[in-house]
Structures are given as C-alpha cells and as structure tokens.
C-alpha atoms as a PDB file:
ATOM      1  CA  UNK A   1     -11.124  37.220  17.022  1.00  0.00           C
ATOM      2  CA  UNK A   2     -13.433  34.595  15.573  1.00  0.00           C
ATOM      3  CA  UNK A   3     -15.403  32.464  17.993  1.00  0.00           C
ATOM      4  CA  UNK A   4     -15.385  28.675  18.024  1.00  0.00           C
ATOM      5  CA  UNK A   5     -19.012  28.797  16.913  1.00  0.00           C
ATOM      6  CA  UNK A   6     -18.091  30.882  13.842  1.00  0.00           C
ATOM      7  CA  UNK A   7     -15.337  28.410  12.948  1.00  0.00           C
ATOM      8  CA  UNK A   8     -17.771  25.540  13.446  1.00  0.00           C
ATOM      9  CA  UNK A   9     -20.334  27.105  11.077  1.00  0.00           C
ATOM     10  CA  UNK A  10     -17.731  27.799   8.409  1.00  0.00           C
ATOM     11  CA  UNK A  11     -16.361  24.274   8.719  1.00  0.00           C
ATOM     12  CA  UNK A  12     -19.785  22.714   8.236  1.00  0.00           C
ATOM     13  CA  UNK A  13     -20.401  25.060   5.310  1.00  0.00           C
ATOM     14  CA  UNK A  14     -17.261  23.870   3.538  1.00  0.00           C
ATOM     15  CA  UNK A  15     -18.080  20.220   4.220  1.00  0.00           C
ATOM     16  CA  UNK A  16     -21.460  20.811   2.626  1.00  0.00           C
ATOM     17  CA  UNK A  17     -20.068  22.823  -0.280  1.00  0.00           C
ATOM     18  CA  UNK A  18     -17.594  20.128  -1.288  1.00  0.00           C
ATOM     19  CA  UNK A  19     -20.010  17.306  -0.439  1.00  0.00           C
ATOM     20  CA  UNK A  20     -17.594  15.646   1.966  1.00  0.00           C
ATOM     21  CA  UNK A  21     -18.972  13.372   4.693  1.00  0.00           C
ATOM     22  CA  UNK A  22     -18.356  14.845   8.183  1.00  0.00           C
ATOM     23  CA  UNK A  23     -15.673  12.343   9.164  1.00  0.00           C
ATOM     24  CA  UNK A  24     -13.150  13.358  11.841  1.00  0.00           C
ATOM     25  CA  UNK A  25     -10.468  13.759   9.147  1.00  0.00           C
ATOM     26  CA  UNK A  26     -12.610  15.997   6.926  1.00  0.00           C
ATOM     27  CA  UNK A  27     -13.834  18.083   9.860  1.00  0.00           C
ATOM     28  CA  UNK A  28     -10.274  18.548  11.192  1.00  0.00           C
ATOM     29  CA  UNK A  29      -9.026  19.553   7.733  1.00  0.00           C
ATOM     30  CA  UNK A  30     -11.602  22.298   7.224  1.00  0.00           C
ATOM     31  CA  UNK A  31     -11.596  23.472  10.845  1.00  0.00           C
ATOM     32  CA  UNK A  32      -7.836  24.096  10.703  1.00  0.00           C
ATOM     33  CA  UNK A  33      -8.295  25.685   7.270  1.00  0.00           C
ATOM     34  CA  UNK A  34     -10.888  28.244   8.402  1.00  0.00           C
ATOM     35  CA  UNK A  35      -8.952  28.949  11.596  1.00  0.00           C
ATOM     36  CA  UNK A  36      -5.863  29.743   9.472  1.00  0.00           C
ATOM     37  CA  UNK A  37      -3.616  28.097  12.052  1.00  0.00           C
ATOM     38  CA  UNK A  38      -1.559  26.227   9.475  1.00  0.00           C
ATOM     39  CA  UNK A  39      -0.454  28.399   6.527  1.00  0.00           C
ATOM     40  CA  UNK A  40       1.092  25.415   4.700  1.00  0.00           C
ATOM     41  CA  UNK A  41      -2.199  23.537   4.897  1.00  0.00           C
ATOM     42  CA  UNK A  42      -4.146  26.542   3.604  1.00  0.00           C
ATOM     43  CA  UNK A  43      -1.748  26.973   0.688  1.00  0.00           C
ATOM     44  CA  UNK A  44      -1.983  23.272  -0.189  1.00  0.00           C
ATOM     45  CA  UNK A  45      -5.790  23.310  -0.008  1.00  0.00           C
ATOM     46  CA  UNK A  46      -6.012  26.440  -2.181  1.00  0.00           C
ATOM     47  CA  UNK A  47      -3.705  24.836  -4.732  1.00  0.00           C
ATOM     48  CA  UNK A  48      -5.764  21.631  -4.771  1.00  0.00           C
ATOM     49  CA  UNK A  49      -8.980  23.594  -5.275  1.00  0.00           C
ATOM     50  CA  UNK A  50      -7.538  25.310  -8.325  1.00  0.00           C
ATOM     51  CA  UNK A  51      -9.714  27.135 -10.792  1.00  0.00           C
ATOM     52  CA  UNK A  52     -12.437  24.465 -10.674  1.00  0.00           C
ATOM     53  CA  UNK A  53     -13.013  25.062  -6.955  1.00  0.00           C
ATOM     54  CA  UNK A  54     -13.425  21.309  -6.349  1.00  0.00           C
ATOM     55  CA  UNK A  55     -11.973  19.015  -3.730  1.00  0.00           C
ATOM     56  CA  UNK A  56     -12.828  15.316  -3.779  1.00  0.00           C
ATOM     57  CA  UNK A  57     -12.647  12.922  -0.834  1.00  0.00           C
ATOM     58  CA  UNK A  58      -9.321  11.355  -1.784  1.00  0.00           C
ATOM     59  CA  UNK A  59      -7.724  14.789  -2.208  1.00  0.00           C
ATOM     60  CA  UNK A  60      -9.065  15.822   1.191  1.00  0.00           C
ATOM     61  CA  UNK A  61      -7.754  12.617   2.752  1.00  0.00           C
ATOM     62  CA  UNK A  62      -4.308  13.137   1.228  1.00  0.00           C
ATOM     63  CA  UNK A  63      -4.182  16.712   2.514  1.00  0.00           C
ATOM     64  CA  UNK A  64      -5.111  15.506   5.976  1.00  0.00           C
ATOM     65  CA  UNK A  65      -2.389  12.852   5.848  1.00  0.00           C
ATOM     66  CA  UNK A  66       0.237  15.341   4.707  1.00  0.00           C
ATOM     67  CA  UNK A  67      -0.510  18.197   7.101  1.00  0.00           C
ATOM     68  CA  UNK A  68      -2.417  17.010  10.152  1.00  0.00           C
ATOM     69  CA  UNK A  69      -0.448  14.161  11.635  1.00  0.00           C
ATOM     70  CA  UNK A  70      -1.443  11.292   9.358  1.00  0.00           C
ATOM     71  CA  UNK A  71      -2.621   8.856  12.012  1.00  0.00           C
ATOM     72  CA  UNK A  72      -2.833   6.042   9.503  1.00  0.00           C
ATOM     73  CA  UNK A  73       0.836   6.279   8.590  1.00  0.00           C
ATOM     74  CA  UNK A  74       1.723   6.384  12.296  1.00  0.00           C
ATOM     75  CA  UNK A  75      -0.353   3.252  12.781  1.00  0.00           C
ATOM     76  CA  UNK A  76       1.532   1.549   9.952  1.00  0.00           C
ATOM     77  CA  UNK A  77       4.874   2.535  11.495  1.00  0.00           C
ATOM     78  CA  UNK A  78       3.685   1.219  14.867  1.00  0.00           C
ATOM     79  CA  UNK A  79       2.733  -2.082  13.230  1.00  0.00           C
ATOM     80  CA  UNK A  80       6.181  -2.350  11.664  1.00  0.00           C
ATOM     81  CA  UNK A  81       7.840  -1.615  15.018  1.00  0.00           C
ATOM     82  CA  UNK A  82       5.656  -4.249  16.698  1.00  0.00           C
ATOM     83  CA  UNK A  83       6.649  -6.857  14.123  1.00  0.00           C
ATOM     84  CA  UNK A  84      10.342  -5.996  14.599  1.00  0.00           C
ATOM     85  CA  UNK A  85      10.032  -6.267  18.390  1.00  0.00           C
ATOM     86  CA  UNK A  86       8.181  -9.552  18.067  1.00  0.00           C
ATOM     87  CA  UNK A  87      10.864 -10.944  15.795  1.00  0.00           C
ATOM     88  CA  UNK A  88      13.622  -9.927  18.216  1.00  0.00           C
ATOM     89  CA  UNK A  89      11.808 -11.486  21.146  1.00  0.00           C
ATOM     90  CA  UNK A  90      11.236 -14.743  19.274  1.00  0.00           C
ATOM     91  CA  UNK A  91      14.887 -14.795  18.236  1.00  0.00           C
ATOM     92  CA  UNK A  92      15.927 -14.380  21.873  1.00  0.00           C
ATOM     93  CA  UNK A  93      13.548 -17.138  22.999  1.00  0.00           C
ATOM     94  CA  UNK A  94      14.838 -19.535  20.336  1.00  0.00           C
ATOM     95  CA  UNK A  95      18.423 -18.724  21.308  1.00  0.00           C
ATOM     96  CA  UNK A  96      17.713 -19.541  24.970  1.00  0.00           C
ATOM     97  CA  UNK A  97      15.949 -22.767  23.988  1.00  0.00           C
ATOM     98  CA  UNK A  98      18.866 -23.834  21.806  1.00  0.00           C
ATOM     99  CA  UNK A  99      21.225 -23.248  24.731  1.00  0.00           C
ATOM    100  CA  UNK A 100      18.980 -25.256  27.068  1.00  0.00           C
ATOM    101  CA  UNK A 101      18.831 -28.079  24.517  1.00  0.00           C
ATOM    102  CA  UNK A 102      22.615 -28.120  24.115  1.00  0.00           C
ATOM    103  CA  UNK A 103      23.120 -28.222  27.873  1.00  0.00           C
ATOM    104  CA  UNK A 104      20.577 -31.039  28.209  1.00  0.00           C
ATOM    105  CA  UNK A 105      22.294 -33.054  25.484  1.00  0.00           C
ATOM    106  CA  UNK A 106      25.681 -32.529  27.160  1.00  0.00           C
ATOM    107  CA  UNK A 107      24.264 -33.622  30.524  1.00  0.00           C
ATOM    108  CA  UNK A 108      22.758 -36.729  28.948  1.00  0.00           C
ATOM    109  CA  UNK A 109      26.106 -37.696  27.412  1.00  0.00           C
ATOM    110  CA  UNK A 110      27.883 -37.222  30.736  1.00  0.00           C
ATOM    111  CA  UNK A 111      25.334 -39.204  32.724  1.00  0.00           C
ATOM    112  CA  UNK A 112      25.081 -42.049  30.226  1.00  0.00           C
ATOM    113  CA  UNK A 113      28.862 -42.117  30.164  1.00  0.00           C
ATOM    114  CA  UNK A 114      28.986 -42.609  33.913  1.00  0.00           C
ATOM    115  CA  UNK A 115      26.319 -45.282  33.646  1.00  0.00           C
ATOM    116  CA  UNK A 116      28.285 -47.136  30.974  1.00  0.00           C
ATOM    117  CA  UNK A 117      29.663 -49.620  33.450  1.00  0.00           C
ATOM    118  CA  UNK A 118      26.312 -50.818  34.705  1.00  0.00           C
ATOM    119  CA  UNK A 119      26.528 -54.085  32.775  1.00  0.00           C
ATOM    120  CA  UNK A 120      29.957 -54.874  34.234  1.00  0.00           C
ATOM    121  CA  UNK A 121      28.600 -54.224  37.718  1.00  0.00           C
ATOM    122  CA  UNK A 122      30.978 -51.336  38.353  1.00  0.00           C
ATOM    123  CA  UNK A 123      28.170 -48.863  39.066  1.00  0.00           C
ATOM    124  CA  UNK A 124      26.826 -48.840  42.611  1.00  0.00           C
ATOM    125  CA  UNK A 125      23.145 -48.646  43.416  1.00  0.00           C
ATOM    126  CA  UNK A 126      23.605 -45.249  45.095  1.00  0.00           C
ATOM    127  CA  UNK A 127      25.314 -43.848  41.971  1.00  0.00           C
ATOM    128  CA  UNK A 128      22.606 -45.291  39.778  1.00  0.00           C
ATOM    129  CA  UNK A 129      19.870 -43.668  41.869  1.00  0.00           C
ATOM    130  CA  UNK A 130      21.701 -40.324  41.886  1.00  0.00           C
ATOM    131  CA  UNK A 131      22.075 -40.376  38.133  1.00  0.00           C
ATOM    132  CA  UNK A 132      18.426 -41.293  37.625  1.00  0.00           C
ATOM    133  CA  UNK A 133      17.355 -38.442  39.928  1.00  0.00           C
ATOM    134  CA  UNK A 134      19.582 -36.055  37.974  1.00  0.00           C
ATOM    135  CA  UNK A 135      18.176 -37.319  34.679  1.00  0.00           C
ATOM    136  CA  UNK A 136      14.633 -36.674  35.930  1.00  0.00           C
ATOM    137  CA  UNK A 137      15.668 -33.219  37.132  1.00  0.00           C
ATOM    138  CA  UNK A 138      17.310 -32.370  33.797  1.00  0.00           C
ATOM    139  CA  UNK A 139      14.291 -33.691  31.887  1.00  0.00           C
ATOM    140  CA  UNK A 140      11.932 -31.492  33.908  1.00  0.00           C
ATOM    141  CA  UNK A 141      14.091 -28.460  33.239  1.00  0.00           C
ATOM    142  CA  UNK A 142      14.084 -29.243  29.533  1.00  0.00           C
ATOM    143  CA  UNK A 143      10.329 -29.819  29.625  1.00  0.00           C
ATOM    144  CA  UNK A 144       9.883 -26.371  31.185  1.00  0.00           C
ATOM    145  CA  UNK A 145      12.048 -24.772  28.508  1.00  0.00           C
ATOM    146  CA  UNK A 146      10.096 -26.513  25.731  1.00  0.00           C
ATOM    147  CA  UNK A 147       6.791 -25.524  27.308  1.00  0.00           C
ATOM    148  CA  UNK A 148       7.941 -21.895  27.530  1.00  0.00           C
ATOM    149  CA  UNK A 149       8.902 -21.984  23.844  1.00  0.00           C
ATOM    150  CA  UNK A 150       5.565 -23.533  22.904  1.00  0.00           C
ATOM    151  CA  UNK A 151       3.635 -20.876  24.840  1.00  0.00           C
ATOM    152  CA  UNK A 152       5.715 -18.088  23.319  1.00  0.00           C
ATOM    153  CA  UNK A 153       5.227 -19.437  19.821  1.00  0.00           C
ATOM    154  CA  UNK A 154       1.459 -19.610  20.365  1.00  0.00           C
ATOM    155  CA  UNK A 155       1.454 -16.063  21.713  1.00  0.00           C
ATOM    156  CA  UNK A 156       3.553 -14.951  18.737  1.00  0.00           C
ATOM    157  CA  UNK A 157       1.146 -16.603  16.313  1.00  0.00           C
ATOM    158  CA  UNK A 158      -1.783 -14.788  17.921  1.00  0.00           C
ATOM    159  CA  UNK A 159       0.108 -11.488  17.791  1.00  0.00           C
ATOM    160  CA  UNK A 160       1.105 -11.972  14.144  1.00  0.00           C
ATOM    161  CA  UNK A 161      -2.517 -12.692  13.217  1.00  0.00           C
ATOM    162  CA  UNK A 162      -3.641  -9.539  14.997  1.00  0.00           C
ATOM    163  CA  UNK A 163      -0.968  -7.429  13.317  1.00  0.00           C
ATOM    164  CA  UNK A 164      -1.748  -8.978   9.931  1.00  0.00           C
ATOM    165  CA  UNK A 165      -5.402  -7.997  10.268  1.00  0.00           C
ATOM    166  CA  UNK A 166      -4.480  -4.474  11.371  1.00  0.00           C
ATOM    167  CA  UNK A 167      -2.006  -4.088   8.512  1.00  0.00           C
ATOM    168  CA  UNK A 168      -4.558  -5.342   5.992  1.00  0.00           C
ATOM    169  CA  UNK A 169      -7.055  -2.802   7.281  1.00  0.00           C
ATOM    170  CA  UNK A 170      -4.449  -0.027   7.088  1.00  0.00           C
ATOM    171  CA  UNK A 171      -3.655  -0.946   3.483  1.00  0.00           C
ATOM    172  CA  UNK A 172      -7.333  -1.007   2.589  1.00  0.00           C
ATOM    173  CA  UNK A 173      -7.717   2.511   3.989  1.00  0.00           C
ATOM    174  CA  UNK A 174      -4.714   3.829   2.084  1.00  0.00           C
ATOM    175  CA  UNK A 175      -5.412   6.019  -0.923  1.00  0.00           C
ATOM    176  CA  UNK A 176      -1.955   6.129  -2.506  1.00  0.00           C
ATOM    177  CA  UNK A 177      -0.304   3.432  -4.608  1.00  0.00           C
ATOM    178  CA  UNK A 178       2.988   2.618  -2.879  1.00  0.00           C
ATOM    179  CA  UNK A 179       4.967   1.893  -6.056  1.00  0.00           C
ATOM    180  CA  UNK A 180       4.032   4.855  -8.259  1.00  0.00           C
ATOM    181  CA  UNK A 181       2.888   7.490  -5.763  1.00  0.00           C
ATOM    182  CA  UNK A 182      -0.321   8.028  -7.733  1.00  0.00           C
ATOM    183  CA  UNK A 183      -3.767   7.748  -6.197  1.00  0.00           C
ATOM    184  CA  UNK A 184      -4.948   4.137  -6.175  1.00  0.00           C
ATOM    185  CA  UNK A 185      -8.130   2.376  -7.313  1.00  0.00           C
ATOM    186  CA  UNK A 186      -9.850   3.015  -3.991  1.00  0.00           C
ATOM    187  CA  UNK A 187      -9.205   6.733  -4.390  1.00  0.00           C
ATOM    188  CA  UNK A 188     -10.515   6.543  -7.963  1.00  0.00           C
ATOM    189  CA  UNK A 189     -13.798   5.002  -6.822  1.00  0.00           C
ATOM    190  CA  UNK A 190     -14.179   7.640  -4.107  1.00  0.00           C
ATOM    191  CA  UNK A 191     -13.503  10.543  -6.474  1.00  0.00           C
ATOM    192  CA  UNK A 192     -15.770   9.249  -9.229  1.00  0.00           C
ATOM    193  CA  UNK A 193     -18.673   8.760  -6.839  1.00  0.00           C
ATOM    194  CA  UNK A 194     -18.152  12.207  -5.286  1.00  0.00           C
ATOM    195  CA  UNK A 195     -18.153  14.027  -8.635  1.00  0.00           C
ATOM    196  CA  UNK A 196     -21.352  15.333 -10.145  1.00  0.00           C
ATOM    197  CA  UNK A 197     -22.392  16.047 -13.702  1.00  0.00           C
ATOM    198  CA  UNK A 198     -20.564  14.803 -16.753  1.00  0.00           C
ATOM    199  CA  UNK A 199     -16.877  13.817 -16.625  1.00  0.00           C
ATOM    200  CA  UNK A 200     -14.399  12.267 -19.028  1.00  0.00           C
ATOM    201  CA  UNK A 201     -12.303   9.229 -18.240  1.00  0.00           C
ATOM    202  CA  UNK A 202      -9.041   8.207 -19.882  1.00  0.00           C
ATOM    203  CA  UNK A 203      -8.046   4.559 -19.368  1.00  0.00           C
ATOM    204  CA  UNK A 204      -4.458   3.763 -20.364  1.00  0.00           C
ATOM    205  CA  UNK A 205      -2.867   0.323 -20.520  1.00  0.00           C
ATOM    206  CA  UNK A 206       0.834  -0.258 -21.247  1.00  0.00           C
ATOM    207  CA  UNK A 207       1.175  -2.579 -24.231  1.00  0.00           C
ATOM    208  CA  UNK A 208       2.857  -5.984 -23.860  1.00  0.00           C
ATOM    209  CA  UNK A 209       3.922  -5.208 -20.309  1.00  0.00           C
ATOM    210  CA  UNK A 210       4.120  -8.907 -19.417  1.00  0.00           C
ATOM    211  CA  UNK A 211       6.832  -9.234 -22.035  1.00  0.00           C
ATOM    212  CA  UNK A 212       8.784  -6.449 -20.318  1.00  0.00           C
ATOM    213  CA  UNK A 213       8.599  -8.306 -17.003  1.00  0.00           C
ATOM    214  CA  UNK A 214       9.495 -11.645 -18.591  1.00  0.00           C
ATOM    215  CA  UNK A 215      12.417 -10.204 -20.555  1.00  0.00           C
ATOM    216  CA  UNK A 216      13.957  -7.737 -18.111  1.00  0.00           C
ATOM    217  CA  UNK A 217      12.579  -8.837 -14.745  1.00  0.00           C
ATOM    218  CA  UNK A 218       9.996  -7.360 -12.401  1.00  0.00           C
ATOM    219  CA  UNK A 219      12.392  -4.848 -10.833  1.00  0.00           C
ATOM    220  CA  UNK A 220      12.971  -3.137 -14.161  1.00  0.00           C
ATOM    221  CA  UNK A 221       9.269  -3.528 -14.939  1.00  0.00           C
ATOM    222  CA  UNK A 222       8.519  -1.580 -11.758  1.00  0.00           C
ATOM    223  CA  UNK A 223      10.849   1.178 -12.960  1.00  0.00           C
ATOM    224  CA  UNK A 224       8.849   1.381 -16.195  1.00  0.00           C
ATOM    225  CA  UNK A 225       5.627   1.754 -14.187  1.00  0.00           C
ATOM    226  CA  UNK A 226       7.209   4.517 -12.099  1.00  0.00           C
ATOM    227  CA  UNK A 227       8.408   6.330 -15.217  1.00  0.00           C
ATOM    228  CA  UNK A 228       4.961   6.109 -16.814  1.00  0.00           C
ATOM    229  CA  UNK A 229       3.421   7.414 -13.583  1.00  0.00           C
ATOM    230  CA  UNK A 230       5.775  10.409 -13.653  1.00  0.00           C
ATOM    231  CA  UNK A 231       4.564  11.211 -17.155  1.00  0.00           C
ATOM    232  CA  UNK A 232       0.967  11.117 -15.932  1.00  0.00           C
ATOM    233  CA  UNK A 233       1.777  13.293 -12.913  1.00  0.00           C
ATOM    234  CA  UNK A 234       3.311  15.922 -15.152  1.00  0.00           C
ATOM    235  CA  UNK A 235       0.419  15.659 -17.579  1.00  0.00           C
ATOM    236  CA  UNK A 236      -2.545  16.287 -15.274  1.00  0.00           C
ATOM    237  CA  UNK A 237      -3.514  19.863 -14.420  1.00  0.00           C
ATOM    238  CA  UNK A 238      -6.558  22.097 -14.112  1.00  0.00           C
ATOM    239  CA  UNK A 239      -8.335  19.777 -11.710  1.00  0.00           C
ATOM    240  CA  UNK A 240      -7.606  16.520 -13.566  1.00  0.00           C
ATOM    241  CA  UNK A 241      -6.604  13.561 -11.375  1.00  0.00           C
ATOM    242  CA  UNK A 242      -4.311  10.632 -12.220  1.00  0.00           C
ATOM    243  CA  UNK A 243      -4.605   7.128 -10.728  1.00  0.00           C
ATOM    244  CA  UNK A 244      -2.939   3.758 -10.910  1.00  0.00           C
ATOM    245  CA  UNK A 245      -6.022   1.779 -11.841  1.00  0.00           C
ATOM    246  CA  UNK A 246      -4.405  -1.614 -11.384  1.00  0.00           C
ATOM    247  CA  UNK A 247      -1.381  -3.522 -12.671  1.00  0.00           C
ATOM    248  CA  UNK A 248      -0.074  -1.685 -15.742  1.00  0.00           C
ATOM    249  CA  UNK A 249      -3.320   0.257 -16.176  1.00  0.00           C
ATOM    250  CA  UNK A 250      -3.725   3.945 -15.333  1.00  0.00           C
ATOM    251  CA  UNK A 251      -6.672   6.342 -15.305  1.00  0.00           C
ATOM    252  CA  UNK A 252      -7.249  10.071 -15.591  1.00  0.00           C
ATOM    253  CA  UNK A 253     -10.470  11.821 -14.539  1.00  0.00           C
ATOM    254  CA  UNK A 254     -11.219  15.298 -15.844  1.00  0.00           C
ATOM    255  CA  UNK A 255     -14.138  17.711 -16.098  1.00  0.00           C
ATOM    256  CA  UNK A 256     -13.678  18.173 -19.824  1.00  0.00           C
ATOM    257  CA  UNK A 257     -15.831  17.185 -22.836  1.00  0.00           C
ATOM    258  CA  UNK A 258     -14.952  14.060 -24.762  1.00  0.00           C
ATOM    259  CA  UNK A 259     -13.284  15.896 -27.669  1.00  0.00           C
ATOM    260  CA  UNK A 260     -10.857  17.669 -25.305  1.00  0.00           C
ATOM    261  CA  UNK A 261     -10.202  14.482 -23.331  1.00  0.00           C
ATOM    262  CA  UNK A 262      -9.459  12.562 -26.518  1.00  0.00           C
ATOM    263  CA  UNK A 263      -7.011  15.224 -27.671  1.00  0.00           C
ATOM    264  CA  UNK A 264      -5.263  15.143 -24.306  1.00  0.00           C
ATOM    265  CA  UNK A 265      -5.193  11.346 -24.381  1.00  0.00           C
ATOM    266  CA  UNK A 266      -3.266  11.525 -27.656  1.00  0.00           C
ATOM    267  CA  UNK A 267      -0.742  13.824 -25.969  1.00  0.00           C
ATOM    268  CA  UNK A 268      -0.496  11.355 -23.114  1.00  0.00           C
ATOM    269  CA  UNK A 269       0.122   8.475 -25.528  1.00  0.00           C
ATOM    270  CA  UNK A 270       3.072  10.376 -27.003  1.00  0.00           C
ATOM    271  CA  UNK A 271       4.448  11.153 -23.542  1.00  0.00           C
ATOM    272  CA  UNK A 272       4.366   7.467 -22.596  1.00  0.00           C
ATOM    273  CA  UNK A 273       6.217   6.548 -25.796  1.00  0.00           C
ATOM    274  CA  UNK A 274       9.130   8.654 -24.525  1.00  0.00           C
ATOM    275  CA  UNK A 275       9.564   6.486 -21.430  1.00  0.00           C
ATOM    276  CA  UNK A 276      13.035   4.948 -21.294  1.00  0.00           C
ATOM    277  CA  UNK A 277      14.550   3.046 -18.364  1.00  0.00           C
ATOM    278  CA  UNK A 278      18.108   1.705 -17.977  1.00  0.00           C
ATOM    279  CA  UNK A 279      19.220  -1.041 -15.621  1.00  0.00           C
ATOM    280  CA  UNK A 280      22.290   0.409 -13.868  1.00  0.00           C
ATOM    281  CA  UNK A 281      23.664  -3.046 -13.102  1.00  0.00           C
ATOM    282  CA  UNK A 282      23.548  -4.523 -16.585  1.00  0.00           C
ATOM    283  CA  UNK A 283      23.205  -1.481 -18.811  1.00  0.00           C
ATOM    284  CA  UNK A 284      20.073  -2.948 -20.374  1.00  0.00           C
ATOM    285  CA  UNK A 285      17.725  -0.303 -21.701  1.00  0.00           C
ATOM    286  CA  UNK A 286      13.961  -0.586 -21.928  1.00  0.00           C
ATOM    287  CA  UNK A 287      12.371   1.726 -24.467  1.00  0.00           C
ATOM    288  CA  UNK A 288       9.721   1.711 -27.156  1.00  0.00           C
ATOM    289  CA  UNK A 289       6.977   1.638 -24.540  1.00  0.00           C
ATOM    290  CA  UNK A 290       3.556   2.103 -26.076  1.00  0.00           C
ATOM    291  CA  UNK A 291       0.081   2.436 -24.625  1.00  0.00           C
ATOM    292  CA  UNK A 292      -3.456   1.665 -25.716  1.00  0.00           C
ATOM    293  CA  UNK A 293      -5.990   4.208 -24.514  1.00  0.00           C
ATOM    294  CA  UNK A 294      -9.752   4.318 -24.258  1.00  0.00           C
ATOM    295  CA  UNK A 295     -11.652   7.561 -23.649  1.00  0.00           C
ATOM    296  CA  UNK A 296     -15.279   8.028 -22.658  1.00  0.00           C
ATOM    297  CA  UNK A 297     -17.581  10.739 -21.346  1.00  0.00           C
ATOM    298  CA  UNK A 298     -20.476  10.068 -19.038  1.00  0.00           C
ATOM    299  CA  UNK A 299     -22.172  10.629 -15.727  1.00  0.00           C
ATOM    300  CA  UNK A 300     -20.199  10.544 -12.486  1.00  0.00           C
ATOM    301  CA  UNK A 301     -21.633   9.791  -9.066  1.00  0.00           C
ATOM    302  CA  UNK A 302     -23.518   6.545  -8.599  1.00  0.00           C
ATOM    303  CA  UNK A 303     -23.544   5.926 -12.367  1.00  0.00           C
ATOM    304  CA  UNK A 304     -19.764   6.076 -12.576  1.00  0.00           C
ATOM    305  CA  UNK A 305     -19.350   2.359 -13.204  1.00  0.00           C
ATOM    306  CA  UNK A 306     -21.075   2.776 -16.569  1.00  0.00           C
ATOM    307  CA  UNK A 307     -18.434   5.344 -17.502  1.00  0.00           C
ATOM    308  CA  UNK A 308     -15.687   2.882 -16.583  1.00  0.00           C
ATOM    309  CA  UNK A 309     -17.357   0.260 -18.735  1.00  0.00           C
ATOM    310  CA  UNK A 310     -17.519   2.604 -21.743  1.00  0.00           C
ATOM    311  CA  UNK A 311     -13.860   3.609 -21.430  1.00  0.00           C
ATOM    312  CA  UNK A 312     -12.819  -0.009 -20.962  1.00  0.00           C
ATOM    313  CA  UNK A 313     -14.696  -0.968 -24.124  1.00  0.00           C
ATOM    314  CA  UNK A 314     -12.801   1.688 -26.082  1.00  0.00           C
ATOM    315  CA  UNK A 315      -9.516   0.477 -24.571  1.00  0.00           C
ATOM    316  CA  UNK A 316     -10.270  -3.080 -25.664  1.00  0.00           C
ATOM    317  CA  UNK A 317     -11.004  -1.808 -29.183  1.00  0.00           C
ATOM    318  CA  UNK A 318      -7.659   0.029 -29.251  1.00  0.00           C
ATOM    319  CA  UNK A 319      -5.887  -3.223 -28.416  1.00  0.00           C
ATOM    320  CA  UNK A 320      -7.917  -5.177 -30.979  1.00  0.00           C
ATOM    321  CA  UNK A 321      -6.910  -2.758 -33.722  1.00  0.00           C
ATOM    322  CA  UNK A 322      -3.209  -3.216 -33.031  1.00  0.00           C
ATOM    323  CA  UNK A 323      -2.465  -1.249 -29.835  1.00  0.00           C
ATOM    324  CA  UNK A 324      -0.554   2.027 -29.488  1.00  0.00           C
ATOM    325  CA  UNK A 325      -3.610   4.157 -30.284  1.00  0.00           C
ATOM    326  CA  UNK A 326      -6.436   6.175 -28.760  1.00  0.00           C
ATOM    327  CA  UNK A 327     -10.050   5.171 -29.171  1.00  0.00           C
ATOM    328  CA  UNK A 328     -12.489   6.419 -30.282  1.00  0.00           C
ATOM    329  CA  UNK A 329     -10.367   7.192 -33.319  1.00  0.00           C
ATOM    330  CA  UNK A 330     -12.291  10.344 -34.229  1.00  0.00           C
ATOM    331  CA  UNK A 331     -15.290  12.355 -33.059  1.00  0.00           C
END
C-alpha cells in the first residue's frame, strides 16, 4: 500500500511535469489520480493527455469540475437559490404591505364617513376625539408597515449587490462558454500561456453573422453558433483544442506546423459550410454559412499575443479578399 508521502511526491511530480501551478484544484486532481481512487477520473485524464502527453490548465480545471465536486458550479447554484429565496421573501413582504395599505385606506374611509357630519354639528366632541385617536393609531401602524418595507428593500438591495458581485466573480472564473459548450476566451489565454515551443493558431469568423441575427433573430443566430461549435468539437483531435474566442469568432490551438494547420483549416471551412439550422416554429432554414479563417504559427507562452495578432491579420486579409477563404492562401 502506497504511503501518503509517496502519493504527495508523485502529485508534485505531475504538477511539475505539466507545469501546472499548485492550486488546490490542481493538487486535488493529481492526488486523486495517483491514488487511483476514482477510475472515471483516471480514464478521463488519460484520454485528455492523449498521444501528446500534455494537459493544460483549462483542461485540468475542466476535469476537476467534472469529477471532483465542482465547487464553482455549486456556488453558482447556491447563488441562484439565494436569488430565488430573496425574490420570494420580497414578494411576501410586498403582499403584506399591500394588505396593510388596503386596510388603512378602508379605515380612513370609514372614519371620514363617520366624521362627515361635523359641519352640521351632529358629531359629538367625544366621538371626534375617539376618531382622531383611532386615526393616529392607524397612521402609526401604517408607518410601521412602511418602515418595515423600506428596511427590507434596503436589505434586499444590499443582498442583491453582494450576490451580483459573487456571480460576476463566478462567471469570470468559468472556463466554458455557456452557449456553445466550448472553452472560452479565458481558457484560451490560459492554455496559450501554458504551452511551450511553437504552436499553430486557427482563427475562424462566421461571415455576415450580423445579417443572420437581423434577418432570422438572435435565437436562431444562437442555434447557428451552436451548430458551428459542434463542427469544431468534432474536428479537433490529437491534442488540438477548440474555443469560442468571442461573438461569432472561434479558435483552434494545435501543436502542428503551419502547413498542416492550414490544410486542416481548409477542412474546417468546408465543415462550417455544411451548417444548416431550421426554425421549428416557422420552418425558416438558415444555410449557406461561410467562414473566413486566418492561420499562423508562432511562439506560445508569454509571446502568445503576437501569435494572436498574426492570425488575426490573416483573418482580416481573408475578409478583405471576399471572405469564405483561408489565409495565407498558399505556403
């Protein structure tokens, strides 16, 4: 039986090998891996490593989320539950206040009705004093109800602000694009900085996507983005990673030379052209989707932004030349 110290050494060795910072998530992932306590986790890690024997920080984070409890998703669910509870409580408070207001208005009508004869002299002084006392009493009760509502609204505002900040932080820490299921831009930046040596980047932008949204609506536009993302997911293999780079723009990182990346980008362009989405409500069909693609090879790590700039320049050139093409045109 392996000792805790042996597991500790192996865990640190894997953190060092894959150049992952020793965060609690990364340490937990590799500690459970070397202890072989979770066969599903081990199988998923081995599959992610693949033939390249590489595991970037976003991949490690996603494995942790999927197999070791995913504290961040639990936090998000807790935030949602808190907002629901807050909404229910505010609804109850407003309901009570509305009832108090209605009762106060009814009491005012009754009392003013009884005081209606004051000008004719039919209201005695004792009755007048009783009604005034009751009016003061009712007003104090209504003042207390309004003050309670004001305090609850202030407390709710403070709570909403706190939850908004927590939710914003949770979203910032997320690595997956909610709409498409691909890794997001934050994951892209993490992976690119963690890589070493030369890598190739494919930047893909759907042509005239604003027209799709304007013509068919954003809901159908979202379906087009999801369909394009599925094509990318099926396209990447052998250690390549796909990302939603932003808006209608996608990215693929791969440890391949430029000539191979350009050839694969051409395949990807053809795959995107096969995207077809139908609106089930209206029967409208969106097809003829094309993409402009820029490909570049360069250094990863801290110099990764230069690689992004080179690929973006090629993407811009593809659009300038008429879209629906891969640049550079030839090597």
